[in-house]
C-alpha atoms as a PDB file:
ATOM      1  CA  SER A   1     -30.717 171.500  46.260  1.00  0.00           C
ATOM      2  CA  ASP A   2     -29.827 168.231  47.902  1.00  0.00           C
ATOM      3  CA  PRO A   3     -26.126 167.846  47.689  1.00  0.00           C
ATOM      4  CA  SER A   4     -25.319 165.800  44.548  1.00  0.00           C
ATOM      5  CA  PRO A   5     -25.020 162.289  45.399  1.00  0.00           C
ATOM      6  CA  THR A   6     -21.380 161.973  44.363  1.00  0.00           C
ATOM      7  CA  SER A   7     -22.472 158.903  42.388  1.00  0.00           C
ATOM      8  CA  ASP A   8     -21.618 156.173  44.897  1.00  0.00           C
ATOM      9  CA  PRO A   9     -18.003 156.281  44.661  1.00  0.00           C
ATOM     10  CA  SER A  10     -17.250 154.138  41.636  1.00  0.00           C
ATOM     11  CA  PRO A  11     -16.331 150.868  42.863  1.00  0.00           C
ATOM     12  CA  THR A  12     -12.985 151.209  41.235  1.00  0.00           C
ATOM     13  CA  GLY A  13     -13.816 147.881  39.723  1.00  0.00           C
ATOM     14  CA  ASP A  14     -13.489 145.667  42.725  1.00  0.00           C
ATOM     15  CA  PRO A  15     -10.065 146.648  43.478  1.00  0.00           C
ATOM     16  CA  SER A  16      -8.305 144.587  40.870  1.00  0.00           C
ATOM     17  CA  PRO A  17      -7.417 141.578  42.657  1.00  0.00           C
ATOM     18  CA  THR A  18      -3.909 142.293  41.761  1.00  0.00           C
ATOM     19  CA  GLY A  19      -4.099 138.804  40.516  1.00  0.00           C
ATOM     20  CA  ASP A  20      -4.350 137.148  43.872  1.00  0.00           C
ATOM     21  CA  PRO A  21      -1.232 138.692  45.186  1.00  0.00           C
ATOM     22  CA  SER A  22       1.141 136.916  42.906  1.00  0.00           C
ATOM     23  CA  PRO A  23       2.232 134.204  45.031  1.00  0.00           C
ATOM     24  CA  THR A  24       5.673 135.377  44.382  1.00  0.00           C
ATOM     25  CA  SER A  25       5.934 131.888  43.210  1.00  0.00           C
ATOM     26  CA  ASP A  26       5.863 130.503  46.695  1.00  0.00           C
ATOM     27  CA  PRO A  27       8.958 132.172  47.872  1.00  0.00           C
ATOM     28  CA  SER A  28      11.227 130.417  45.503  1.00  0.00           C
ATOM     29  CA  PRO A  29      12.333 127.633  47.643  1.00  0.00           C
ATOM     30  CA  THR A  30      15.749 128.640  46.758  1.00  0.00           C
ATOM     31  CA  SER A  31      15.701 125.191  45.464  1.00  0.00           C
ATOM     32  CA  ASP A  32      15.629 123.653  48.886  1.00  0.00           C
ATOM     33  CA  PRO A  33      18.662 125.360  50.045  1.00  0.00           C
ATOM     34  CA  SER A  34      20.807 123.808  47.466  1.00  0.00           C
ATOM     35  CA  PRO A  35      22.211 121.026  49.467  1.00  0.00           C
ATOM     36  CA  THR A  36      25.419 122.346  48.326  1.00  0.00           C
ATOM     37  CA  SER A  37      25.512 119.000  46.807  1.00  0.00           C
ATOM     38  CA  ASP A  38      25.453 117.345  50.185  1.00  0.00           C
ATOM     39  CA  PRO A  39      28.232 119.402  51.463  1.00  0.00           C
ATOM     40  CA  SER A  40      30.624 118.124  48.955  1.00  0.00           C
ATOM     41  CA  PRO A  41      32.180 115.461  51.060  1.00  0.00           C
ATOM     42  CA  THR A  42      35.350 116.976  50.124  1.00  0.00           C
ATOM     43  CA  SER A  43      35.804 113.558  48.828  1.00  0.00           C
ATOM     44  CA  ASP A  44      35.613 112.044  52.270  1.00  0.00           C
ATOM     45  CA  PRO A  45      38.334 114.172  53.568  1.00  0.00           C
ATOM     46  CA  SER A  46      40.702 112.923  51.035  1.00  0.00           C
ATOM     47  CA  PRO A  47      42.362 110.363  53.175  1.00  0.00           C
ATOM     48  CA  THR A  48      45.438 111.919  52.003  1.00  0.00           C
ATOM     49  CA  SER A  49      45.785 108.583  50.425  1.00  0.00           C
ATOM     50  CA  ASP A  50      45.853 106.827  53.749  1.00  0.00           C
ATOM     51  CA  PRO A  51      48.339 109.191  55.069  1.00  0.00           C
ATOM     52  CA  SER A  52      50.749 108.378  52.396  1.00  0.00           C
ATOM     53  CA  PRO A  53      52.940 106.128  54.405  1.00  0.00           C
ATOM     54  CA  THR A  54      55.635 108.307  53.217  1.00  0.00           C
ATOM     55  CA  GLY A  55      56.987 105.062  52.034  1.00  0.00           C
ATOM     56  CA  ASP A  56      57.048 103.455  55.440  1.00  0.00           C
ATOM     57  CA  PRO A  57      58.415 106.575  56.881  1.00  0.00           C
ATOM     58  CA  SER A  58      61.341 106.604  54.631  1.00  0.00           C
ATOM     59  CA  PRO A  59      63.753 105.043  57.038  1.00  0.00           C
ATOM     60  CA  THR A  60      65.846 107.967  56.291  1.00  0.00           C
ATOM     61  CA  SER A  61      68.315 105.228  55.822  1.00  0.00           C
ATOM     62  CA  ASP A  62      67.792 104.129  59.385  1.00  0.00           C
ATOM     63  CA  PRO A  63      68.219 107.518  60.838  1.00  0.00           C
ATOM     64  CA  SER A  64      71.606 108.036  59.386  1.00  0.00           C
ATOM     65  CA  PRO A  65      73.574 107.239  62.510  1.00  0.00           C
ATOM     66  CA  THR A  66      75.196 110.586  62.282  1.00  0.00           C
ATOM     67  CA  PRO A  67      78.273 108.442  62.337  1.00  0.00           C
ATOM     68  CA  SER A  68      78.291 108.684  66.098  1.00  0.00           C
ATOM     69  CA  ALA A  69      81.600 110.252  65.548  1.00  0.00           C
ATOM     70  CA  THR A  70      83.219 106.915  66.316  1.00  0.00           C
ATOM     71  CA  PRO A  71      83.473 108.127  69.837  1.00  0.00           C
ATOM     72  CA  SER A  72      86.902 109.525  69.524  1.00  0.00           C
ATOM     73  CA  PRO A  73      88.804 106.707  71.230  1.00  0.00           C
ATOM     74  CA  THR A  74      89.675 109.033  74.015  1.00  0.00           C
ATOM     75  CA  SER A  75      93.115 107.726  73.260  1.00  0.00           C
ATOM     76  CA  THR A  76      92.350 104.492  75.075  1.00  0.00           C
ATOM     77  CA  PRO A  77      94.830 104.718  77.882  1.00  0.00           C
ATOM     78  CA  ASP A  78      98.059 103.304  76.576  1.00  0.00           C
ATOM     79  CA  ALA A  79      98.573  99.692  77.512  1.00  0.00           C
ATOM     80  CA  PRO A  80     100.696  99.361  80.626  1.00  0.00           C
ATOM     81  CA  HIS A  81     104.420  99.567  80.005  1.00  0.00           C
ATOM     82  CA  ALA A  82     105.838  96.132  79.248  1.00  0.00           C
ATOM     83  CA  GLN A  83     109.505  96.858  79.974  1.00  0.00           C
ATOM     84  CA  GLN A  84     111.246  95.295  82.985  1.00  0.00           C
ATOM     85  CA  ILE A  85     114.608  94.935  84.719  1.00  0.00           C
ATOM     86  CA  GLU A  86     115.381  91.897  86.867  1.00  0.00           C
ATOM     87  CA  GLY A  87     118.415  90.310  88.433  1.00  0.00           C
ATOM     88  CA  THR A  88     120.066  88.339  91.235  1.00  0.00           C
ATOM     89  CA  VAL A  89     122.525  89.189  93.994  1.00  0.00           C
ATOM     90  CA  TRP A  90     124.439  86.035  94.915  1.00  0.00           C
ATOM     91  CA  LEU A  91     127.327  84.794  97.047  1.00  0.00           C
ATOM     92  CA  ASP A  92     130.139  84.212  94.545  1.00  0.00           C
ATOM     93  CA  LEU A  93     132.230  81.904  96.728  1.00  0.00           C
ATOM     94  CA  ASP A  94     134.782  81.085  94.025  1.00  0.00           C
ATOM     95  CA  SER A  95     134.909  84.674  92.683  1.00  0.00           C
ATOM     96  CA  ASN A  96     134.523  83.559  89.064  1.00  0.00           C
ATOM     97  CA  GLY A  97     131.635  85.884  88.175  1.00  0.00           C
ATOM     98  CA  ALA A  98     129.163  83.074  87.430  1.00  0.00           C
ATOM     99  CA  GLN A  99     126.566  81.724  89.846  1.00  0.00           C
ATOM    100  CA  GLY A 100     127.325  78.076  90.526  1.00  0.00           C
ATOM    101  CA  ALA A 101     124.826  75.440  91.631  1.00  0.00           C
ATOM    102  CA  GLN A 102     125.977  75.682  95.260  1.00  0.00           C
ATOM    103  CA  GLU A 103     126.282  79.478  95.352  1.00  0.00           C
ATOM    104  CA  PRO A 104     123.124  80.855  96.994  1.00  0.00           C
ATOM    105  CA  GLY A 105     121.356  84.138  96.417  1.00  0.00           C
ATOM    106  CA  ILE A 106     121.540  86.689  99.235  1.00  0.00           C
ATOM    107  CA  PRO A 107     118.174  87.852 100.627  1.00  0.00           C
ATOM    108  CA  GLY A 108     117.584  91.303 102.080  1.00  0.00           C
ATOM    109  CA  ILE A 109     119.958  93.266  99.825  1.00  0.00           C
ATOM    110  CA  VAL A 110     118.339  96.661  99.106  1.00  0.00           C
ATOM    111  CA  VAL A 111     118.246  97.503  95.388  1.00  0.00           C
ATOM    112  CA  ASP A 112     117.392 100.980  94.035  1.00  0.00           C
ATOM    113  CA  LEU A 113     116.123 101.637  90.506  1.00  0.00           C
ATOM    114  CA  VAL A 114     117.199 105.094  89.366  1.00  0.00           C
ATOM    115  CA  LEU A 115     115.894 106.842  86.231  1.00  0.00           C
ATOM    116  CA  VAL A 116     118.688 108.755  84.526  1.00  0.00           C
ATOM    117  CA  GLU A 117     117.577 111.908  82.703  1.00  0.00           C
ATOM    118  CA  PRO A 118     119.164 112.653  79.303  1.00  0.00           C
ATOM    119  CA  LEU A 119     121.697 115.423  78.870  1.00  0.00           C
ATOM    120  CA  ALA A 120     120.051 118.705  79.827  1.00  0.00           C
ATOM    121  CA  SER A 121     120.805 122.247  78.671  1.00  0.00           C
ATOM    122  CA  ILE A 122     121.112 124.760  81.474  1.00  0.00           C
ATOM    123  CA  THR A 123     122.135 128.422  81.701  1.00  0.00           C
ATOM    124  CA  VAL A 124     125.162 129.391  83.711  1.00  0.00           C
ATOM    125  CA  ALA A 125     126.591 132.827  84.538  1.00  0.00           C
ATOM    126  CA  GLY A 126     129.082 133.960  81.916  1.00  0.00           C
ATOM    127  CA  GLY A 127     131.519 136.806  81.338  1.00  0.00           C
ATOM    128  CA  GLY A 128     130.092 140.318  81.182  1.00  0.00           C
ATOM    129  CA  GLY A 129     127.030 139.220  83.130  1.00  0.00           C
ATOM    130  CA  LEU A 130     125.634 137.370  80.118  1.00  0.00           C
ATOM    131  CA  GLY A 131     124.410 133.810  80.407  1.00  0.00           C
ATOM    132  CA  ARG A 132     125.718 131.251  77.997  1.00  0.00           C
ATOM    133  CA  PRO A 133     124.334 127.755  77.405  1.00  0.00           C
ATOM    134  CA  ALA A 134     126.187 124.790  78.807  1.00  0.00           C
ATOM    135  CA  THR A 135     125.470 121.091  79.116  1.00  0.00           C
ATOM    136  CA  ARG A 136     125.934 118.789  82.047  1.00  0.00           C
ATOM    137  CA  ALA A 137     126.162 115.013  82.041  1.00  0.00           C
ATOM    138  CA  ALA A 138     123.204 112.900  83.089  1.00  0.00           C
ATOM    139  CA  GLY A 139     123.526 111.987  86.697  1.00  0.00           C
ATOM    140  CA  ALA A 140     124.652 115.411  87.842  1.00  0.00           C
ATOM    141  CA  GLY A 141     121.384 116.159  89.562  1.00  0.00           C
ATOM    142  CA  GLY A 142     119.517 114.512  86.668  1.00  0.00           C
ATOM    143  CA  VAL A 143     118.547 111.267  88.375  1.00  0.00           C
ATOM    144  CA  THR A 144     115.415 110.126  90.192  1.00  0.00           C
ATOM    145  CA  THR A 145     114.950 106.995  92.286  1.00  0.00           C
ATOM    146  CA  VAL A 146     111.727 105.487  90.943  1.00  0.00           C
ATOM    147  CA  ALA A 147     111.567 102.211  92.915  1.00  0.00           C
ATOM    148  CA  THR A 148     113.280 100.279  95.703  1.00  0.00           C
ATOM    149  CA  GLN A 149     113.155  96.569  96.527  1.00  0.00           C
ATOM    150  CA  ALA A 150     114.871  94.116  98.851  1.00  0.00           C
ATOM    151  CA  THR A 151     116.005  90.862  97.275  1.00  0.00           C
ATOM    152  CA  GLY A 152     113.859  87.824  98.029  1.00  0.00           C
ATOM    153  CA  ALA A 153     114.795  84.467  99.557  1.00  0.00           C
ATOM    154  CA  ALA A 154     116.668  83.463  96.392  1.00  0.00           C
ATOM    155  CA  GLY A 155     118.433  86.829  96.107  1.00  0.00           C
ATOM    156  CA  THR A 156     116.269  87.942  93.180  1.00  0.00           C
ATOM    157  CA  PHE A 157     114.535  91.248  92.379  1.00  0.00           C
ATOM    158  CA  SER A 158     112.306  92.458  89.545  1.00  0.00           C
ATOM    159  CA  PHE A 159     111.129  95.921  88.485  1.00  0.00           C
ATOM    160  CA  THR A 160     108.196  95.715  86.039  1.00  0.00           C
ATOM    161  CA  GLY A 161     105.901  98.114  84.159  1.00  0.00           C
ATOM    162  CA  LEU A 162     108.759 100.474  83.335  1.00  0.00           C
ATOM    163  CA  ALA A 163     108.861 103.213  80.707  1.00  0.00           C
ATOM    164  CA  VAL A 164     111.483 103.169  77.983  1.00  0.00           C
ATOM    165  CA  GLY A 165     114.602 104.994  79.139  1.00  0.00           C
ATOM    166  CA  SER A 166     118.011 104.884  80.763  1.00  0.00           C
ATOM    167  CA  TYR A 167     118.289 103.532  84.287  1.00  0.00           C
ATOM    168  CA  ARG A 168     120.844 102.671  86.928  1.00  0.00           C
ATOM    169  CA  VAL A 169     120.403  99.657  89.225  1.00  0.00           C
ATOM    170  CA  VAL A 170     122.219 100.071  92.542  1.00  0.00           C
ATOM    171  CA  ALA A 171     122.670  97.149  94.966  1.00  0.00           C
ATOM    172  CA  HIS A 172     123.573  98.282  98.493  1.00  0.00           C
ATOM    173  CA  ARG A 173     126.036  95.631  99.690  1.00  0.00           C
ATOM    174  CA  PRO A 174     127.229  95.214 103.280  1.00  0.00           C
ATOM    175  CA  THR A 175     130.825  96.166 104.033  1.00  0.00           C
ATOM    176  CA  THR A 176     131.666  92.510 104.724  1.00  0.00           C
ATOM    177  CA  LEU A 177     131.154  91.654 101.047  1.00  0.00           C
ATOM    178  CA  GLY A 178     133.108  92.781  98.000  1.00  0.00           C
ATOM    179  CA  VAL A 179     131.976  92.783  94.354  1.00  0.00           C
ATOM    180  CA  THR A 180     133.365  90.068  92.059  1.00  0.00           C
ATOM    181  CA  TRP A 181     131.160  90.831  89.050  1.00  0.00           C
ATOM    182  CA  ASP A 182     128.226  92.935  87.879  1.00  0.00           C
ATOM    183  CA  SER A 183     126.274  93.109  84.626  1.00  0.00           C
ATOM    184  CA  GLU A 184     127.947  96.321  83.496  1.00  0.00           C
ATOM    185  CA  GLY A 185     131.438  94.950  84.075  1.00  0.00           C
ATOM    186  CA  VAL A 186     132.559  97.802  86.322  1.00  0.00           C
ATOM    187  CA  ARG A 187     132.281  95.762  89.554  1.00  0.00           C
ATOM    188  CA  ASP A 188     130.754  98.563  91.611  1.00  0.00           C
ATOM    189  CA  ALA A 189     127.242  97.068  92.021  1.00  0.00           C
ATOM    190  CA  ALA A 190     125.789 100.153  90.249  1.00  0.00           C
ATOM    191  CA  MET A 191     124.820  99.088  86.732  1.00  0.00           C
ATOM    192  CA  ALA A 192     123.722 101.314  83.826  1.00  0.00           C
ATOM    193  CA  VAL A 193     120.809  99.804  81.877  1.00  0.00           C
ATOM    194  CA  ASP A 194     119.245 101.129  78.644  1.00  0.00           C
ATOM    195  CA  LEU A 195     115.686  99.820  78.407  1.00  0.00           C
ATOM    196  CA  PRO A 196     114.130  99.665  74.901  1.00  0.00           C
ATOM    197  CA  LEU A 197     110.455  99.323  73.949  1.00  0.00           C
ATOM    198  CA  ASP A 198     109.053  95.934  75.017  1.00  0.00           C
ATOM    199  CA  GLY A 199     112.480  95.070  76.354  1.00  0.00           C
ATOM    200  CA  SER A 200     113.715  93.122  79.369  1.00  0.00           C
ATOM    201  CA  ARG A 201     117.182  93.527  80.829  1.00  0.00           C
ATOM    202  CA  ASN A 202     119.188  91.707  83.512  1.00  0.00           C
ATOM    203  CA  ALA A 203     121.276  93.446  86.172  1.00  0.00           C
ATOM    204  CA  SER A 204     122.981  90.950  88.499  1.00  0.00           C
ATOM    205  CA  VAL A 205     125.759  91.204  91.078  1.00  0.00           C
ATOM    206  CA  GLY A 206     128.196  88.649  92.516  1.00  0.00           C
ATOM    207  CA  LEU A 207     129.496  89.290  96.066  1.00  0.00           C
ATOM    208  CA  VAL A 208     132.197  87.546  98.085  1.00  0.00           C
ATOM    209  CA  GLY A 209     133.523  87.681 101.644  1.00  0.00           C
ATOM    210  CA  ASP A 210     137.094  87.309 102.904  1.00  0.00           C
ATOM    211  CA  ALA A 211     136.540  84.740 105.652  1.00  0.00           C
ATOM    212  CA  GLY A 212     136.248  80.963 105.732  1.00  0.00           C
ATOM    213  CA  LEU A 213     135.424  77.849 107.718  1.00  0.00           C
ATOM    214  CA  ASP A 214     137.570  74.738 108.007  1.00  0.00           C
ATOM    215  CA  VAL A 215     135.521  71.929 109.527  1.00  0.00           C
ATOM    216  CA  ARG A 216     136.731  68.518 110.685  1.00  0.00           C
ATOM    217  CA  LEU A 217     133.953  66.023 111.187  1.00  0.00           C
ATOM    218  CA  THR A 218     134.135  62.994 113.512  1.00  0.00           C
ATOM    219  CA  GLY A 219     131.792  60.095 114.108  1.00  0.00           C
ATOM    220  CA  PRO A 220     128.954  59.403 111.691  1.00  0.00           C
ATOM    221  CA  LEU A 221     129.145  62.943 110.319  1.00  0.00           C
ATOM    222  CA  ALA A 222     132.481  62.160 108.709  1.00  0.00           C
ATOM    223  CA  ASP A 223     130.698  59.772 106.348  1.00  0.00           C
ATOM    224  CA  ALA A 224     128.012  62.248 105.237  1.00  0.00           C
ATOM    225  CA  PRO A 225     128.291  63.291 101.573  1.00  0.00           C
ATOM    226  CA  THR A 226     127.569  66.946 102.349  1.00  0.00           C
ATOM    227  CA  VAL A 227     126.805  69.332 105.196  1.00  0.00           C
ATOM    228  CA  GLN A 228     125.205  72.773 105.191  1.00  0.00           C
ATOM    229  CA  VAL A 229     126.945  75.849 106.463  1.00  0.00           C
ATOM    230  CA  ARG A 230     124.302  78.334 107.658  1.00  0.00           C
ATOM    231  CA  TRP A 231     125.177  82.027 107.645  1.00  0.00           C
ATOM    232  CA  ALA A 232     123.014  84.192 109.932  1.00  0.00           C
ATOM    233  CA  GLY A 233     122.590  86.696 107.101  1.00  0.00           C
ATOM    234  CA  LEU A 234     122.456  90.476 107.190  1.00  0.00           C
ATOM    235  CA  ASP A 235     120.565  90.624 110.498  1.00  0.00           C
ATOM    236  CA  GLY A 236     123.151  88.464 112.290  1.00  0.00           C
ATOM    237  CA  VAL A 237     120.461  86.243 113.839  1.00  0.00           C
ATOM    238  CA  LEU A 238     120.539  82.500 113.193  1.00  0.00           C
ATOM    239  CA  GLY A 239     117.173  81.001 112.322  1.00  0.00           C
ATOM    240  CA  SER A 240     115.637  84.145 110.795  1.00  0.00           C
ATOM    241  CA  ALA A 241     114.240  84.656 107.294  1.00  0.00           C
ATOM    242  CA  ASP A 242     117.447  86.026 105.765  1.00  0.00           C
ATOM    243  CA  ASP A 243     119.690  83.084 106.704  1.00  0.00           C
ATOM    244  CA  VAL A 244     121.809  81.735 103.844  1.00  0.00           C
ATOM    245  CA  LEU A 245     122.590  78.028 103.420  1.00  0.00           C
ATOM    246  CA  VAL A 246     125.715  76.873 101.609  1.00  0.00           C
ATOM    247  CA  THR A 247     125.939  73.170 100.782  1.00  0.00           C
ATOM    248  CA  VAL A 248     129.514  71.910 101.031  1.00  0.00           C
ATOM    249  CA  PRO A 249     130.837  68.443 100.101  1.00  0.00           C
ATOM    250  CA  VAL A 250     132.543  66.318 102.773  1.00  0.00           C
ATOM    251  CA  VAL A 251     135.907  64.959 101.640  1.00  0.00           C
ATOM    252  CA  ASP A 252     137.567  62.423 103.955  1.00  0.00           C
ATOM    253  CA  GLY A 253     135.699  63.844 106.927  1.00  0.00           C
ATOM    254  CA  HIS A 254     136.825  67.355 106.088  1.00  0.00           C
ATOM    255  CA  VAL A 255     134.873  70.425 104.944  1.00  0.00           C
ATOM    256  CA  ALA A 256     136.430  73.709 103.840  1.00  0.00           C
ATOM    257  CA  VAL A 257     134.710  76.773 102.440  1.00  0.00           C
ATOM    258  CA  GLN A 258     136.134  80.196 101.642  1.00  0.00           C
ATOM    259  CA  GLY A 259     134.556  83.410 100.352  1.00  0.00           C
ATOM    260  CA  LEU A 260     132.210  83.762 103.325  1.00  0.00           C
ATOM    261  CA  PRO A 261     131.396  87.135 104.880  1.00  0.00           C
ATOM    262  CA  ALA A 262     132.362  87.686 108.503  1.00  0.00           C
ATOM    263  CA  GLY A 263     129.468  86.738 110.744  1.00  0.00           C
ATOM    264  CA  THR A 264     127.752  83.993 112.708  1.00  0.00           C
ATOM    265  CA  TYR A 265     127.527  80.436 111.364  1.00  0.00           C
ATOM    266  CA  SER A 266     126.339  76.978 112.316  1.00  0.00           C
ATOM    267  CA  ILE A 267     126.798  73.580 110.714  1.00  0.00           C
ATOM    268  CA  GLU A 268     123.833  71.410 109.763  1.00  0.00           C
ATOM    269  CA  SER A 269     123.380  67.886 108.512  1.00  0.00           C
ATOM    270  CA  GLU A 270     120.153  66.950 106.778  1.00  0.00           C
ATOM    271  CA  GLY A 271     118.464  70.026 108.215  1.00  0.00           C
ATOM    272  CA  THR A 272     119.559  69.404 111.824  1.00  0.00           C
ATOM    273  CA  ALA A 273     122.068  71.697 113.511  1.00  0.00           C
ATOM    274  CA  VAL A 274     125.141  69.786 114.655  1.00  0.00           C
ATOM    275  CA  SER A 275     127.056  72.735 116.053  1.00  0.00           C
ATOM    276  CA  GLY A 276     126.422  75.809 118.102  1.00  0.00           C
ATOM    277  CA  PRO A 277     127.041  79.308 116.700  1.00  0.00           C
ATOM    278  CA  VAL A 278     130.530  79.803 115.297  1.00  0.00           C
ATOM    279  CA  GLU A 279     131.795  83.372 114.974  1.00  0.00           C
ATOM    280  CA  VAL A 280     133.951  84.052 111.944  1.00  0.00           C
ATOM    281  CA  ALA A 281     135.875  87.323 111.772  1.00  0.00           C
ATOM    282  CA  SER A 282     136.943  89.104 108.635  1.00  0.00           C
ATOM    283  CA  ARG A 283     140.167  87.842 107.064  1.00  0.00           C
ATOM    284  CA  SER A 284     140.220  84.697 109.187  1.00  0.00           C
ATOM    285  CA  THR A 285     139.453  81.014 108.964  1.00  0.00           C
ATOM    286  CA  VAL A 286     137.842  79.342 111.928  1.00  0.00           C
ATOM    287  CA  VAL A 287     138.945  75.740 112.351  1.00  0.00           C
ATOM    288  CA  THR A 288     136.170  73.726 113.907  1.00  0.00           C
ATOM    289  CA  THR A 289     135.949  70.114 115.020  1.00  0.00           C
ATOM    290  CA  ILE A 290     132.459  68.699 115.120  1.00  0.00           C
ATOM    291  CA  GLY A 291     131.455  65.253 116.317  1.00  0.00           C
ATOM    292  CA  THR A 292     128.690  63.533 118.182  1.00  0.00           C
ATOM    293  CA  SER A 293     129.377  65.714 121.229  1.00  0.00           C
ATOM    294  CA  THR A 294     129.422  68.891 119.127  1.00  0.00           C
ATOM    295  CA  ALA A 295     132.761  70.172 120.385  1.00  0.00           C
ATOM    296  CA  VAL A 296     133.780  73.502 118.871  1.00  0.00           C
ATOM    297  CA  THR A 297     137.359  74.735 118.916  1.00  0.00           C
ATOM    298  CA  ALA A 298     138.237  77.944 117.223  1.00  0.00           C
ATOM    299  CA  GLY A 299     140.301  80.698 116.039  1.00  0.00           C
ATOM    300  CA  LEU A 300     143.231  80.304 113.695  1.00  0.00           C
ATOM    301  CA  ALA A 301     144.458  83.262 111.681  1.00  0.00           C
ATOM    302  CA  HIS A 302     143.822  82.936 107.972  1.00  0.00           C
ATOM    303  CA  THR A 303     146.944  80.909 107.116  1.00  0.00           C
ATOM    304  CA  GLY A 304     145.118  77.855 105.920  1.00  0.00           C
ATOM    305  CA  ALA A 305     147.064  75.656 108.379  1.00  0.00           C
ATOM    306  CA  ALA A 306     145.419  73.331 110.874  1.00  0.00           C
ATOM    307  CA  PRO A 307     146.379  73.601 114.579  1.00  0.00           C
ATOM    308  CA  ALA A 308     148.118  70.220 114.685  1.00  0.00           C
ATOM    309  CA  ALA A 309     150.132  70.977 111.571  1.00  0.00           C
ATOM    310  CA  ALA A 310     151.078  74.374 112.939  1.00  0.00           C
ATOM    311  CA  ALA A 311     152.274  72.810 116.210  1.00  0.00           C
ATOM    312  CA  LEU A 312     154.378  70.200 114.399  1.00  0.00           C
ATOM    313  CA  THR A 313     155.889  72.884 112.204  1.00  0.00           C
ATOM    314  CA  ALA A 314     156.774  74.973 115.250  1.00  0.00           C
ATOM    315  CA  LEU A 315     158.434  71.994 116.978  1.00  0.00           C
ATOM    316  CA  ALA A 316     160.400  71.177 113.847  1.00  0.00           C
ATOM    317  CA  LEU A 317     161.627  74.743 113.576  1.00  0.00           C
ATOM    318  CA  ILE A 318     162.694  74.726 117.240  1.00  0.00           C
ATOM    319  CA  GLY A 319     164.607  71.476 116.668  1.00  0.00           C
ATOM    320  CA  VAL A 320     166.358  72.811 113.598  1.00  0.00           C
ATOM    321  CA  GLY A 321     167.279  75.953 115.492  1.00  0.00           C
ATOM    322  CA  ALA A 322     168.837  73.932 118.334  1.00  0.00           C
ATOM    323  CA  VAL A 323     170.963  71.906 115.903  1.00  0.00           C
ATOM    324  CA  LEU A 324     172.212  74.999 114.112  1.00  0.00           C
ATOM    325  CA  THR A 325     173.064  76.679 117.421  1.00  0.00           C
ATOM    326  CA  GLY A 326     175.076  73.639 118.519  1.00  0.00           C
ATOM    327  CA  LEU A 327     177.050  73.567 115.282  1.00  0.00           C
ATOM    328  CA  ALA A 328     177.875  77.241 115.583  1.00  0.00           C
ATOM    329  CA  ARG A 329     179.255  76.762 119.108  1.00  0.00           C
ATOM    330  CA  ARG A 330     181.482  73.887 118.039  1.00  0.00           C
ATOM    331  CA  ARG A 331     183.088  75.990 115.351  1.00  0.00           C
ATOM    332  CA  ARG A 332     183.987  78.663 117.885  1.00  0.00           C
ATOM    333  CA  THR A 333     185.756  76.149 120.212  1.00  0.00           C
ATOM    334  CA  PRO A 334     189.587  76.393 119.713  1.00  0.00           C
ATOM    335  CA  LEU A 335     191.403  73.196 118.724  1.00  0.00           C
ATOM    336  CA  ALA A 336     193.537  71.573 121.420  1.00  0.00           C
END
């Protein structure tokens, strides 16, 4: 029998449309990708309140100057020392210890400034091989020459910018001059000076020679009020920088000056030499006659007498001697 028709496979009811495949509600638009609320503008990147000016960048009190440590004054080098010692070396013709108006300074005298160290403690060998302390006076090896000067044209010197301390001022005088006075009163031309803060001290020396000039003027020179006696100075050369001029008054055509050092001299009137060189030795007075012809006679021992006076005195003595001799002979003659 014909195979049974399997009854036209039942249409399974038009496969149920499965309700028009449920549109799965148009893939839920995921609500238009939620705009994430227009990417939250993060409130327009919060301007950080216009970068908070931090109060006009807090001036941090004008960057606290970290008190620039008042650059430690690096002990601003001490102001230069203000102490000084000055003085004069002069020709003290009248030996009175005071510089007169006509007593000139002496140029070219060498003056040393010596710093005297205070008393120092030293160790000396003692008994038993032990050392024991001892002291020695300043000056015994405790001195230092700190400066040397030669006196100027007016005989002056000056040491400036000195430290406080004890000093000795030593004037090196020539052998033809002696000391009449010095600031310390010892008359050795080596003066002790204590120099205080901001202080100034004087150390002066008066010198005198043992020679002199006795000048007789003739002609117009005899009427001049003064003449100048020029000493050749320490170098012995007339006309050089260390010459010394002494102004001397003319009295009745006569000029006399004592207290000069031995050396070479000339006589001037109003700046013009009226004599040639005159040599004056120590312990002597040269008697000089000067006139229009500039005649120079010389050499009388230091008696203070003029040649004419000496000759008259000698003649008088010879006469007196002759008279006395005659009287003595008469007395010896026996009476008749």
